Amino acid sequence: MRKVVDCRDMPSESGCTLTIAGEEDEVVRAAAEHAASVHGHTDSPELRDEIRRGLKNEELSVR
């Protein structure tokens, strides 16, 4: 099942609205890179663990 992380679920002064979806490891990697490059966080194992804990299952829309 694809996983999703949404910046709107995290406290942010910038009001970022980015959503990242994909396979779990892809999402964690991309979200950590985004958190570091856009939000000034340090890409660390602790950050990646926090991101992983916040992942949600992607809700599939009916087509």
N, C-alpha and C. Protein backbone atom coordinates (compact mmCIF):
# COMPACT_ATOMS: atom_id res chain seq x y z
N MET A 1 0.83 -1.18 0.00
CA MET A 1 0.00 0.00 0.00
C MET A 1 0.88 1.25 0.00
N ARG A 2 0.49 2.21 -0.82
CA ARG A 2 1.24 3.46 -0.88
C ARG A 2 1.04 4.25 0.40
N LYS A 3 2.06 5.02 0.76
CA LYS A 3 2.04 5.84 1.97
C LYS A 3 2.03 7.31 1.58
N VAL A 4 1.54 8.14 2.50
CA VAL A 4 1.43 9.58 2.26
C VAL A 4 1.95 10.34 3.47
N VAL A 5 2.64 11.43 3.22
CA VAL A 5 2.99 12.39 4.26
C VAL A 5 2.57 13.77 3.74
N ASP A 6 2.01 14.57 4.62
CA ASP A 6 1.45 15.87 4.22
C ASP A 6 2.02 16.92 5.15
N CYS A 7 2.66 17.94 4.59
CA CYS A 7 3.25 19.00 5.42
C CYS A 7 2.20 19.71 6.27
N ARG A 8 0.97 19.71 5.82
CA ARG A 8 -0.09 20.38 6.59
C ARG A 8 -0.33 19.71 7.93
N ASP A 9 0.15 18.46 8.09
CA ASP A 9 -0.01 17.75 9.36
C ASP A 9 1.08 18.09 10.37
N MET A 10 2.08 18.84 9.93
CA MET A 10 3.21 19.19 10.80
C MET A 10 3.17 20.68 11.11
N PRO A 11 3.58 21.06 12.32
CA PRO A 11 3.65 22.49 12.63
C PRO A 11 4.65 23.17 11.71
N SER A 12 4.25 24.28 11.10
CA SER A 12 5.12 24.97 10.16
C SER A 12 4.75 26.44 10.09
N GLU A 13 5.76 27.28 10.18
CA GLU A 13 5.53 28.72 10.05
C GLU A 13 5.30 29.11 8.60
N SER A 14 5.76 28.28 7.67
CA SER A 14 5.68 28.63 6.25
C SER A 14 4.33 28.31 5.64
N GLY A 15 3.53 27.49 6.31
CA GLY A 15 2.23 27.11 5.76
C GLY A 15 2.36 26.20 4.55
N CYS A 16 3.41 25.40 4.50
CA CYS A 16 3.67 24.50 3.38
C CYS A 16 2.50 23.52 3.21
N THR A 17 2.14 23.26 1.96
CA THR A 17 1.02 22.37 1.66
C THR A 17 1.44 21.14 0.85
N LEU A 18 2.73 20.87 0.77
CA LEU A 18 3.21 19.74 -0.02
C LEU A 18 2.73 18.41 0.53
N THR A 19 2.29 17.53 -0.36
CA THR A 19 1.94 16.15 -0.02
C THR A 19 2.81 15.24 -0.88
N ILE A 20 3.38 14.22 -0.25
CA ILE A 20 4.23 13.27 -0.95
C ILE A 20 3.62 11.88 -0.78
N ALA A 21 3.47 11.14 -1.88
CA ALA A 21 2.89 9.80 -1.83
C ALA A 21 3.75 8.83 -2.63
N GLY A 22 3.81 7.60 -2.17
CA GLY A 22 4.55 6.56 -2.88
C GLY A 22 4.83 5.40 -1.95
N GLU A 23 5.80 4.59 -2.33
CA GLU A 23 6.22 3.49 -1.47
C GLU A 23 6.90 4.08 -0.23
N GLU A 24 6.79 3.39 0.89
CA GLU A 24 7.24 3.93 2.18
C GLU A 24 8.65 4.50 2.15
N ASP A 25 9.62 3.75 1.68
CA ASP A 25 11.00 4.24 1.68
C ASP A 25 11.18 5.46 0.79
N GLU A 26 10.48 5.50 -0.34
CA GLU A 26 10.54 6.67 -1.23
C GLU A 26 10.00 7.91 -0.54
N VAL A 27 8.88 7.75 0.14
CA VAL A 27 8.24 8.89 0.81
C VAL A 27 9.12 9.40 1.94
N VAL A 28 9.67 8.50 2.73
CA VAL A 28 10.53 8.92 3.84
C VAL A 28 11.74 9.68 3.31
N ARG A 29 12.37 9.16 2.27
CA ARG A 29 13.55 9.81 1.69
C ARG A 29 13.20 11.19 1.14
N ALA A 30 12.14 11.27 0.35
CA ALA A 30 11.74 12.54 -0.26
C ALA A 30 11.31 13.55 0.80
N ALA A 31 10.58 13.09 1.81
CA ALA A 31 10.11 13.99 2.87
C ALA A 31 11.29 14.52 3.69
N ALA A 32 12.27 13.68 3.95
CA ALA A 32 13.45 14.12 4.70
C ALA A 32 14.23 15.15 3.89
N GLU A 33 14.39 14.91 2.60
CA GLU A 33 15.09 15.87 1.75
C GLU A 33 14.33 17.19 1.68
N HIS A 34 13.01 17.12 1.60
CA HIS A 34 12.18 18.32 1.58
C HIS A 34 12.29 19.08 2.91
N ALA A 35 12.21 18.34 4.02
CA ALA A 35 12.30 18.96 5.34
C ALA A 35 13.63 19.68 5.51
N ALA A 36 14.70 19.10 4.98
CA ALA A 36 16.02 19.72 5.09
C ALA A 36 16.16 20.93 4.16
N SER A 37 15.77 20.77 2.91
CA SER A 37 16.01 21.84 1.94
C SER A 37 15.03 23.01 2.06
N VAL A 38 13.80 22.73 2.46
CA VAL A 38 12.78 23.78 2.51
C VAL A 38 12.57 24.31 3.93
N HIS A 39 12.57 23.40 4.90
CA HIS A 39 12.22 23.80 6.27
C HIS A 39 13.42 23.94 7.20
N GLY A 40 14.63 23.65 6.70
CA GLY A 40 15.84 23.87 7.49
C GLY A 40 16.14 22.81 8.53
N HIS A 41 15.46 21.67 8.47
CA HIS A 41 15.75 20.58 9.40
C HIS A 41 17.03 19.87 8.98
N THR A 42 17.63 19.16 9.89
CA THR A 42 18.79 18.33 9.57
C THR A 42 18.28 16.94 9.20
N ASP A 43 18.70 16.46 8.04
CA ASP A 43 18.31 15.12 7.60
C ASP A 43 19.10 14.12 8.45
N SER A 44 18.40 13.48 9.36
CA SER A 44 19.05 12.57 10.31
C SER A 44 18.19 11.32 10.46
N PRO A 45 18.75 10.27 11.05
CA PRO A 45 17.93 9.08 11.32
C PRO A 45 16.72 9.40 12.21
N GLU A 46 16.90 10.32 13.14
CA GLU A 46 15.79 10.70 14.02
C GLU A 46 14.67 11.37 13.23
N LEU A 47 15.02 12.26 12.30
CA LEU A 47 14.01 12.92 11.47
C LEU A 47 13.28 11.88 10.62
N ARG A 48 14.03 10.97 10.03
CA ARG A 48 13.40 9.94 9.19
C ARG A 48 12.49 9.02 10.01
N ASP A 49 12.88 8.73 11.25
CA ASP A 49 12.00 7.94 12.12
C ASP A 49 10.71 8.69 12.43
N GLU A 50 10.83 9.99 12.69
CA GLU A 50 9.64 10.80 12.97
C GLU A 50 8.72 10.84 11.75
N ILE A 51 9.30 11.00 10.58
CA ILE A 51 8.51 11.00 9.34
C ILE A 51 7.81 9.65 9.18
N ARG A 52 8.56 8.58 9.37
CA ARG A 52 8.01 7.23 9.20
C ARG A 52 6.82 7.01 10.15
N ARG A 53 6.93 7.50 11.38
CA ARG A 53 5.83 7.35 12.35
C ARG A 53 4.59 8.14 11.92
N GLY A 54 4.78 9.22 11.16
CA GLY A 54 3.67 10.05 10.74
C GLY A 54 3.03 9.65 9.42
N LEU A 55 3.54 8.61 8.77
CA LEU A 55 2.99 8.20 7.49
C LEU A 55 1.57 7.69 7.64
N LYS A 56 0.78 7.94 6.62
CA LYS A 56 -0.60 7.44 6.57
C LYS A 56 -0.76 6.60 5.30
N ASN A 57 -1.71 5.71 5.32
CA ASN A 57 -2.03 4.96 4.11
C ASN A 57 -2.74 5.89 3.13
N GLU A 58 -2.41 5.75 1.86
CA GLU A 58 -3.05 6.57 0.84
C GLU A 58 -4.51 6.15 0.70
N GLU A 59 -5.38 7.11 0.71
CA GLU A 59 -6.79 6.82 0.49
C GLU A 59 -7.04 6.86 -1.00
N LEU A 60 -7.54 5.78 -1.53
CA LEU A 60 -7.80 5.69 -2.95
C LEU A 60 -9.15 6.31 -3.26
N SER A 61 -9.18 7.12 -4.30
CA SER A 61 -10.44 7.71 -4.70
C SER A 61 -11.14 6.77 -5.69
N VAL A 62 -12.42 6.82 -5.70
CA VAL A 62 -13.21 6.02 -6.61
C VAL A 62 -13.18 6.69 -7.97
N ARG A 63 -12.88 5.93 -9.00
CA ARG A 63 -12.78 6.51 -10.35
C ARG A 63 -13.95 6.14 -11.17
